[in-house]
Amino acid sequence: NVNAHTSVTVTTFSAKKGVSLLNHPPYSPDFAPADFFLFPRLKLKLKGKRFQSVLDIQQSVARQLNEIKAEQFSNPFLTIM
């Protein structure tokens, strides 16, 4: 865990709120939503598409990102707990 997660302030706050920390290797991709939720979703949506310019790619990615609701980013975490 990162030092910020184990500081006295955070540890005390977590204990008062009933929050438990999950131990996992540092920089573990299993807790990075971009690695197991966002990028696979983008790859699936953009698969097979051809673009004429970098701007076309940027606009297409932006459209796909804007279609994702904020709560969908927290849903992947619910499946691992």
PDB file of N, CA and C in Angstrom:
ATOM      1  N   ASN A   1       0.833  -1.203   0.000  1.00  0.00           N
ATOM      2  CA  ASN A   1       0.000   0.000   0.000  1.00  0.00           C
ATOM      3  C   ASN A   1       0.867   1.253   0.000  1.00  0.00           C
ATOM      4  N   VAL A   2       0.337   2.277  -0.579  1.00  0.00           N
ATOM      5  CA  VAL A   2       1.034   3.553  -0.675  1.00  0.00           C
ATOM      6  C   VAL A   2       1.142   4.173   0.713  1.00  0.00           C
ATOM      7  N   ASN A   3       2.218   4.938   0.959  1.00  0.00           N
ATOM      8  CA  ASN A   3       2.398   5.577   2.263  1.00  0.00           C
ATOM      9  C   ASN A   3       1.180   6.384   2.686  1.00  0.00           C
ATOM     10  N   ALA A   4       0.530   7.041   1.731  1.00  0.00           N
ATOM     11  CA  ALA A   4      -0.652   7.847   2.066  1.00  0.00           C
ATOM     12  C   ALA A   4      -1.761   6.982   2.647  1.00  0.00           C
ATOM     13  N   HIS A   5      -1.819   5.710   2.242  1.00  0.00           N
ATOM     14  CA  HIS A   5      -2.869   4.816   2.734  1.00  0.00           C
ATOM     15  C   HIS A   5      -2.572   4.283   4.127  1.00  0.00           C
ATOM     16  N   THR A   6      -1.317   4.366   4.556  1.00  0.00           N
ATOM     17  CA  THR A   6      -0.952   3.818   5.857  1.00  0.00           C
ATOM     18  C   THR A   6      -0.572   4.891   6.866  1.00  0.00           C
ATOM     19  N   SER A   7      -0.776   6.149   6.536  1.00  0.00           N
ATOM     20  CA  SER A   7      -0.466   7.220   7.477  1.00  0.00           C
ATOM     21  C   SER A   7      -1.396   7.131   8.679  1.00  0.00           C
ATOM     22  N   VAL A   8      -0.982   7.708   9.789  1.00  0.00           N
ATOM     23  CA  VAL A   8      -1.781   7.674  11.018  1.00  0.00           C
ATOM     24  C   VAL A   8      -3.149   8.305  10.783  1.00  0.00           C
ATOM     25  N   THR A   9      -3.193   9.419  10.076  1.00  0.00           N
ATOM     26  CA  THR A   9      -4.462  10.106   9.819  1.00  0.00           C
ATOM     27  C   THR A   9      -5.419   9.219   9.037  1.00  0.00           C
ATOM     28  N   VAL A  10      -4.932   8.620   7.977  1.00  0.00           N
ATOM     29  CA  VAL A  10      -5.784   7.769   7.141  1.00  0.00           C
ATOM     30  C   VAL A  10      -6.178   6.502   7.889  1.00  0.00           C
ATOM     31  N   THR A  11      -5.241   5.906   8.608  1.00  0.00           N
ATOM     32  CA  THR A  11      -5.534   4.691   9.371  1.00  0.00           C
ATOM     33  C   THR A  11      -6.599   4.960  10.425  1.00  0.00           C
ATOM     34  N   THR A  12      -6.487   6.073  11.136  1.00  0.00           N
ATOM     35  CA  THR A  12      -7.474   6.440  12.153  1.00  0.00           C
ATOM     36  C   THR A  12      -8.833   6.693  11.520  1.00  0.00           C
ATOM     37  N   PHE A  13      -8.857   7.463  10.447  1.00  0.00           N
ATOM     38  CA  PHE A  13     -10.112   7.747   9.747  1.00  0.00           C
ATOM     39  C   PHE A  13     -10.760   6.456   9.258  1.00  0.00           C
ATOM     40  N   SER A  14      -9.963   5.592   8.646  1.00  0.00           N
ATOM     41  CA  SER A  14     -10.485   4.327   8.118  1.00  0.00           C
ATOM     42  C   SER A  14     -11.087   3.472   9.222  1.00  0.00           C
ATOM     43  N   ALA A  15     -10.413   3.418  10.364  1.00  0.00           N
ATOM     44  CA  ALA A  15     -10.919   2.624  11.490  1.00  0.00           C
ATOM     45  C   ALA A  15     -12.240   3.185  11.998  1.00  0.00           C
ATOM     46  N   LYS A  16     -12.341   4.504  12.105  1.00  0.00           N
ATOM     47  CA  LYS A  16     -13.587   5.132  12.587  1.00  0.00           C
ATOM     48  C   LYS A  16     -14.748   4.890  11.628  1.00  0.00           C
ATOM     49  N   LYS A  17     -14.458   4.871  10.334  1.00  0.00           N
ATOM     50  CA  LYS A  17     -15.504   4.710   9.320  1.00  0.00           C
ATOM     51  C   LYS A  17     -15.752   3.249   8.954  1.00  0.00           C
ATOM     52  N   GLY A  18     -14.990   2.343   9.541  1.00  0.00           N
ATOM     53  CA  GLY A  18     -15.179   0.929   9.243  1.00  0.00           C
ATOM     54  C   GLY A  18     -14.650   0.518   7.880  1.00  0.00           C
ATOM     55  N   VAL A  19     -13.688   1.270   7.383  1.00  0.00           N
ATOM     56  CA  VAL A  19     -13.099   0.973   6.074  1.00  0.00           C
ATOM     57  C   VAL A  19     -11.910   0.040   6.277  1.00  0.00           C
ATOM     58  N   SER A  20     -11.869  -1.022   5.516  1.00  0.00           N
ATOM     59  CA  SER A  20     -10.706  -1.909   5.588  1.00  0.00           C
ATOM     60  C   SER A  20      -9.933  -1.807   4.277  1.00  0.00           C
ATOM     61  N   LEU A  21      -8.630  -1.813   4.404  1.00  0.00           N
ATOM     62  CA  LEU A  21      -7.773  -1.729   3.225  1.00  0.00           C
ATOM     63  C   LEU A  21      -7.469  -3.128   2.723  1.00  0.00           C
ATOM     64  N   LEU A  22      -7.466  -3.285   1.422  1.00  0.00           N
ATOM     65  CA  LEU A  22      -7.118  -4.557   0.810  1.00  0.00           C
ATOM     66  C   LEU A  22      -5.630  -4.553   0.492  1.00  0.00           C
ATOM     67  N   ASN A  23      -4.937  -5.578   0.921  1.00  0.00           N
ATOM     68  CA  ASN A  23      -3.515  -5.674   0.600  1.00  0.00           C
ATOM     69  C   ASN A  23      -3.356  -6.252  -0.798  1.00  0.00           C
ATOM     70  N   HIS A  24      -2.535  -5.620  -1.579  1.00  0.00           N
ATOM     71  CA  HIS A  24      -2.240  -6.090  -2.924  1.00  0.00           C
ATOM     72  C   HIS A  24      -0.890  -5.522  -3.346  1.00  0.00           C
ATOM     73  N   PRO A  25      -0.268  -6.124  -4.333  1.00  0.00           N
ATOM     74  CA  PRO A  25       1.039  -5.632  -4.762  1.00  0.00           C
ATOM     75  C   PRO A  25       0.957  -4.187  -5.250  1.00  0.00           C
ATOM     76  N   PRO A  26       2.001  -3.406  -5.016  1.00  0.00           N
ATOM     77  CA  PRO A  26       1.995  -2.030  -5.511  1.00  0.00           C
ATOM     78  C   PRO A  26       1.857  -2.004  -7.032  1.00  0.00           C
ATOM     79  N   TYR A  27       1.157  -1.018  -7.517  1.00  0.00           N
ATOM     80  CA  TYR A  27       0.929  -0.824  -8.950  1.00  0.00           C
ATOM     81  C   TYR A  27       0.222  -2.015  -9.591  1.00  0.00           C
ATOM     82  N   SER A  28      -0.568  -2.698  -8.801  1.00  0.00           N
ATOM     83  CA  SER A  28      -1.281  -3.871  -9.291  1.00  0.00           C
ATOM     84  C   SER A  28      -2.371  -3.456 -10.272  1.00  0.00           C
ATOM     85  N   PRO A  29      -2.348  -3.986 -11.497  1.00  0.00           N
ATOM     86  CA  PRO A  29      -3.354  -3.588 -12.487  1.00  0.00           C
ATOM     87  C   PRO A  29      -4.761  -4.081 -12.166  1.00  0.00           C
ATOM     88  N   ASP A  30      -4.880  -5.034 -11.231  1.00  0.00           N
ATOM     89  CA  ASP A  30      -6.213  -5.535 -10.921  1.00  0.00           C
ATOM     90  C   ASP A  30      -7.086  -4.492 -10.243  1.00  0.00           C
ATOM     91  N   PHE A  31      -6.488  -3.426  -9.727  1.00  0.00           N
ATOM     92  CA  PHE A  31      -7.272  -2.363  -9.112  1.00  0.00           C
ATOM     93  C   PHE A  31      -7.234  -1.067  -9.918  1.00  0.00           C
ATOM     94  N   ALA A  32      -6.792  -1.150 -11.147  1.00  0.00           N
ATOM     95  CA  ALA A  32      -6.755   0.015 -12.019  1.00  0.00           C
ATOM     96  C   ALA A  32      -7.904  -0.102 -13.020  1.00  0.00           C
ATOM     97  N   PRO A  33      -9.000   0.639 -12.794  1.00  0.00           N
ATOM     98  CA  PRO A  33     -10.159   0.504 -13.673  1.00  0.00           C
ATOM     99  C   PRO A  33      -9.840   0.750 -15.140  1.00  0.00           C
ATOM    100  N   ALA A  34      -8.858   1.573 -15.403  1.00  0.00           N
ATOM    101  CA  ALA A  34      -8.506   1.821 -16.804  1.00  0.00           C
ATOM    102  C   ALA A  34      -8.011   0.542 -17.468  1.00  0.00           C
ATOM    103  N   ASP A  35      -7.320  -0.313 -16.703  1.00  0.00           N
ATOM    104  CA  ASP A  35      -6.766  -1.538 -17.278  1.00  0.00           C
ATOM    105  C   ASP A  35      -7.801  -2.635 -17.474  1.00  0.00           C
ATOM    106  N   PHE A  36      -8.752  -2.770 -16.561  1.00  0.00           N
ATOM    107  CA  PHE A  36      -9.682  -3.882 -16.701  1.00  0.00           C
ATOM    108  C   PHE A  36     -11.100  -3.463 -17.052  1.00  0.00           C
ATOM    109  N   PHE A  37     -11.337  -2.177 -17.184  1.00  0.00           N
ATOM    110  CA  PHE A  37     -12.675  -1.712 -17.555  1.00  0.00           C
ATOM    111  C   PHE A  37     -12.622  -0.770 -18.749  1.00  0.00           C
ATOM    112  N   LEU A  38     -11.895   0.304 -18.622  1.00  0.00           N
ATOM    113  CA  LEU A  38     -11.923   1.363 -19.625  1.00  0.00           C
ATOM    114  C   LEU A  38     -11.267   0.956 -20.947  1.00  0.00           C
ATOM    115  N   PHE A  39     -10.013   0.526 -20.905  1.00  0.00           N
ATOM    116  CA  PHE A  39      -9.307   0.219 -22.150  1.00  0.00           C
ATOM    117  C   PHE A  39      -9.931  -0.953 -22.905  1.00  0.00           C
ATOM    118  N   PRO A  40     -10.305  -2.046 -22.227  1.00  0.00           N
ATOM    119  CA  PRO A  40     -10.976  -3.119 -22.982  1.00  0.00           C
ATOM    120  C   PRO A  40     -12.276  -2.648 -23.634  1.00  0.00           C
ATOM    121  N   ARG A  41     -13.011  -1.800 -22.940  1.00  0.00           N
ATOM    122  CA  ARG A  41     -14.268  -1.281 -23.498  1.00  0.00           C
ATOM    123  C   ARG A  41     -13.988  -0.423 -24.737  1.00  0.00           C
ATOM    124  N   LEU A  42     -12.996   0.463 -24.622  1.00  0.00           N
ATOM    125  CA  LEU A  42     -12.640   1.312 -25.765  1.00  0.00           C
ATOM    126  C   LEU A  42     -12.168   0.470 -26.946  1.00  0.00           C
ATOM    127  N   LYS A  43     -11.336  -0.522 -26.670  1.00  0.00           N
ATOM    128  CA  LYS A  43     -10.835  -1.381 -27.749  1.00  0.00           C
ATOM    129  C   LYS A  43     -11.981  -2.089 -28.458  1.00  0.00           C
ATOM    130  N   LEU A  44     -12.954  -2.557 -27.694  1.00  0.00           N
ATOM    131  CA  LEU A  44     -14.097  -3.249 -28.279  1.00  0.00           C
ATOM    132  C   LEU A  44     -14.912  -2.313 -29.169  1.00  0.00           C
ATOM    133  N   LYS A  45     -15.146  -1.090 -28.686  1.00  0.00           N
ATOM    134  CA  LYS A  45     -15.950  -0.122 -29.442  1.00  0.00           C
ATOM    135  C   LYS A  45     -15.236   0.373 -30.701  1.00  0.00           C
ATOM    136  N   LEU A  46     -13.914   0.443 -30.660  1.00  0.00           N
ATOM    137  CA  LEU A  46     -13.153   1.002 -31.780  1.00  0.00           C
ATOM    138  C   LEU A  46     -12.596  -0.068 -32.721  1.00  0.00           C
ATOM    139  N   LYS A  47     -12.766  -1.337 -32.350  1.00  0.00           N
ATOM    140  CA  LYS A  47     -12.216  -2.439 -33.145  1.00  0.00           C
ATOM    141  C   LYS A  47     -12.747  -2.400 -34.585  1.00  0.00           C
ATOM    142  N   GLY A  48     -11.829  -2.510 -35.522  1.00  0.00           N
ATOM    143  CA  GLY A  48     -12.195  -2.570 -36.931  1.00  0.00           C
ATOM    144  C   GLY A  48     -12.473  -1.228 -37.582  1.00  0.00           C
ATOM    145  N   LYS A  49     -12.470  -0.172 -36.821  1.00  0.00           N
ATOM    146  CA  LYS A  49     -12.736   1.154 -37.387  1.00  0.00           C
ATOM    147  C   LYS A  49     -11.461   1.698 -38.033  1.00  0.00           C
ATOM    148  N   ARG A  50     -11.630   2.456 -39.082  1.00  0.00           N
ATOM    149  CA  ARG A  50     -10.514   3.115 -39.766  1.00  0.00           C
ATOM    150  C   ARG A  50     -10.713   4.618 -39.640  1.00  0.00           C
ATOM    151  N   PHE A  51      -9.628   5.307 -39.401  1.00  0.00           N
ATOM    152  CA  PHE A  51      -9.697   6.749 -39.196  1.00  0.00           C
ATOM    153  C   PHE A  51      -8.842   7.464 -40.233  1.00  0.00           C
ATOM    154  N   GLN A  52      -9.282   8.640 -40.607  1.00  0.00           N
ATOM    155  CA  GLN A  52      -8.576   9.432 -41.605  1.00  0.00           C
ATOM    156  C   GLN A  52      -7.500  10.318 -40.992  1.00  0.00           C
ATOM    157  N   SER A  53      -7.648  10.629 -39.708  1.00  0.00           N
ATOM    158  CA  SER A  53      -6.695  11.539 -39.074  1.00  0.00           C
ATOM    159  C   SER A  53      -6.653  11.292 -37.568  1.00  0.00           C
ATOM    160  N   VAL A  54      -5.654  11.868 -36.943  1.00  0.00           N
ATOM    161  CA  VAL A  54      -5.542  11.792 -35.485  1.00  0.00           C
ATOM    162  C   VAL A  54      -6.753  12.466 -34.848  1.00  0.00           C
ATOM    163  N   LEU A  55      -7.209  13.547 -35.440  1.00  0.00           N
ATOM    164  CA  LEU A  55      -8.387  14.246 -34.922  1.00  0.00           C
ATOM    165  C   LEU A  55      -9.611  13.326 -34.927  1.00  0.00           C
ATOM    166  N   ASP A  56      -9.774  12.539 -35.979  1.00  0.00           N
ATOM    167  CA  ASP A  56     -10.889  11.581 -36.038  1.00  0.00           C
ATOM    168  C   ASP A  56     -10.800  10.567 -34.899  1.00  0.00           C
ATOM    169  N   ILE A  57      -9.593  10.104 -34.614  1.00  0.00           N
ATOM    170  CA  ILE A  57      -9.397   9.159 -33.509  1.00  0.00           C
ATOM    171  C   ILE A  57      -9.776   9.822 -32.192  1.00  0.00           C
ATOM    172  N   GLN A  58      -9.271  11.030 -31.975  1.00  0.00           N
ATOM    173  CA  GLN A  58      -9.550  11.747 -30.730  1.00  0.00           C
ATOM    174  C   GLN A  58     -11.045  11.975 -30.541  1.00  0.00           C
ATOM    175  N   GLN A  59     -11.724  12.357 -31.604  1.00  0.00           N
ATOM    176  CA  GLN A  59     -13.165  12.608 -31.511  1.00  0.00           C
ATOM    177  C   GLN A  59     -13.938  11.322 -31.241  1.00  0.00           C
ATOM    178  N   SER A  60     -13.530  10.235 -31.861  1.00  0.00           N
ATOM    179  CA  SER A  60     -14.206   8.959 -31.650  1.00  0.00           C
ATOM    180  C   SER A  60     -14.007   8.467 -30.217  1.00  0.00           C
ATOM    181  N   VAL A  61     -12.792   8.567 -29.721  1.00  0.00           N
ATOM    182  CA  VAL A  61     -12.517   8.169 -28.335  1.00  0.00           C
ATOM    183  C   VAL A  61     -13.304   9.055 -27.375  1.00  0.00           C
ATOM    184  N   ALA A  62     -13.332  10.348 -27.626  1.00  0.00           N
ATOM    185  CA  ALA A  62     -14.085  11.268 -26.764  1.00  0.00           C
ATOM    186  C   ALA A  62     -15.566  10.908 -26.747  1.00  0.00           C
ATOM    187  N   ARG A  63     -16.127  10.569 -27.903  1.00  0.00           N
ATOM    188  CA  ARG A  63     -17.540  10.158 -27.966  1.00  0.00           C
ATOM    189  C   ARG A  63     -17.778   8.914 -27.115  1.00  0.00           C
ATOM    190  N   GLN A  64     -16.890   7.942 -27.251  1.00  0.00           N
ATOM    191  CA  GLN A  64     -17.039   6.703 -26.482  1.00  0.00           C
ATOM    192  C   GLN A  64     -16.925   6.970 -24.982  1.00  0.00           C
ATOM    193  N   LEU A  65     -15.987   7.806 -24.590  1.00  0.00           N
ATOM    194  CA  LEU A  65     -15.816   8.132 -23.167  1.00  0.00           C
ATOM    195  C   LEU A  65     -17.033   8.862 -22.618  1.00  0.00           C
ATOM    196  N   ASN A  66     -17.597   9.751 -23.415  1.00  0.00           N
ATOM    197  CA  ASN A  66     -18.769  10.506 -22.965  1.00  0.00           C
ATOM    198  C   ASN A  66     -20.007   9.632 -22.802  1.00  0.00           C
ATOM    199  N   GLU A  67     -20.026   8.469 -23.453  1.00  0.00           N
ATOM    200  CA  GLU A  67     -21.162   7.554 -23.323  1.00  0.00           C
ATOM    201  C   GLU A  67     -21.122   6.749 -22.019  1.00  0.00           C
ATOM    202  N   ILE A  68     -19.970   6.739 -21.356  1.00  0.00           N
ATOM    203  CA  ILE A  68     -19.827   5.974 -20.119  1.00  0.00           C
ATOM    204  C   ILE A  68     -20.336   6.813 -18.953  1.00  0.00           C
ATOM    205  N   LYS A  69     -21.290   6.273 -18.230  1.00  0.00           N
ATOM    206  CA  LYS A  69     -21.826   6.969 -17.059  1.00  0.00           C
ATOM    207  C   LYS A  69     -20.831   6.858 -15.902  1.00  0.00           C
ATOM    208  N   ALA A  70     -20.797   7.877 -15.056  1.00  0.00           N
ATOM    209  CA  ALA A  70     -19.841   7.929 -13.947  1.00  0.00           C
ATOM    210  C   ALA A  70     -19.934   6.696 -13.051  1.00  0.00           C
ATOM    211  N   GLU A  71     -21.149   6.229 -12.773  1.00  0.00           N
ATOM    212  CA  GLU A  71     -21.290   5.081 -11.863  1.00  0.00           C
ATOM    213  C   GLU A  71     -20.731   3.793 -12.461  1.00  0.00           C
ATOM    214  N   GLN A  72     -20.590   3.744 -13.780  1.00  0.00           N
ATOM    215  CA  GLN A  72     -20.020   2.553 -14.403  1.00  0.00           C
ATOM    216  C   GLN A  72     -18.545   2.377 -14.041  1.00  0.00           C
ATOM    217  N   PHE A  73     -17.879   3.466 -13.682  1.00  0.00           N
ATOM    218  CA  PHE A  73     -16.484   3.362 -13.284  1.00  0.00           C
ATOM    219  C   PHE A  73     -16.331   2.687 -11.928  1.00  0.00           C
ATOM    220  N   SER A  74     -17.325   2.802 -11.050  1.00  0.00           N
ATOM    221  CA  SER A  74     -17.228   2.156  -9.739  1.00  0.00           C
ATOM    222  C   SER A  74     -17.732   0.725  -9.769  1.00  0.00           C
ATOM    223  N   ASN A  75     -18.561   0.372 -10.740  1.00  0.00           N
ATOM    224  CA  ASN A  75     -19.110  -0.987 -10.813  1.00  0.00           C
ATOM    225  C   ASN A  75     -18.047  -2.082 -10.858  1.00  0.00           C
ATOM    226  N   PRO A  76     -16.950  -1.919 -11.607  1.00  0.00           N
ATOM    227  CA  PRO A  76     -15.946  -2.991 -11.620  1.00  0.00           C
ATOM    228  C   PRO A  76     -15.390  -3.302 -10.234  1.00  0.00           C
ATOM    229  N   PHE A  77     -15.294  -2.293  -9.368  1.00  0.00           N
ATOM    230  CA  PHE A  77     -14.772  -2.527  -8.026  1.00  0.00           C
ATOM    231  C   PHE A  77     -15.732  -3.370  -7.196  1.00  0.00           C
ATOM    232  N   LEU A  78     -17.023  -3.262  -7.456  1.00  0.00           N
ATOM    233  CA  LEU A  78     -18.003  -4.029  -6.695  1.00  0.00           C
ATOM    234  C   LEU A  78     -17.873  -5.519  -6.970  1.00  0.00           C
ATOM    235  N   THR A  79     -17.396  -5.882  -8.144  1.00  0.00           N
ATOM    236  CA  THR A  79     -17.283  -7.301  -8.493  1.00  0.00           C
ATOM    237  C   THR A  79     -16.070  -7.970  -7.870  1.00  0.00           C
ATOM    238  N   ILE A  80     -15.099  -7.187  -7.381  1.00  0.00           N
ATOM    239  CA  ILE A  80     -13.904  -7.795  -6.794  1.00  0.00           C
ATOM    240  C   ILE A  80     -13.942  -7.821  -5.280  1.00  0.00           C
ATOM    241  N   MET A  81     -14.964  -7.255  -4.698  1.00  0.00           N
ATOM    242  CA  MET A  81     -15.032  -7.216  -3.230  1.00  0.00           C
ATOM    243  C   MET A  81     -16.024  -8.211  -2.704  1.00  0.00           C
TER     244      MET A  81
END
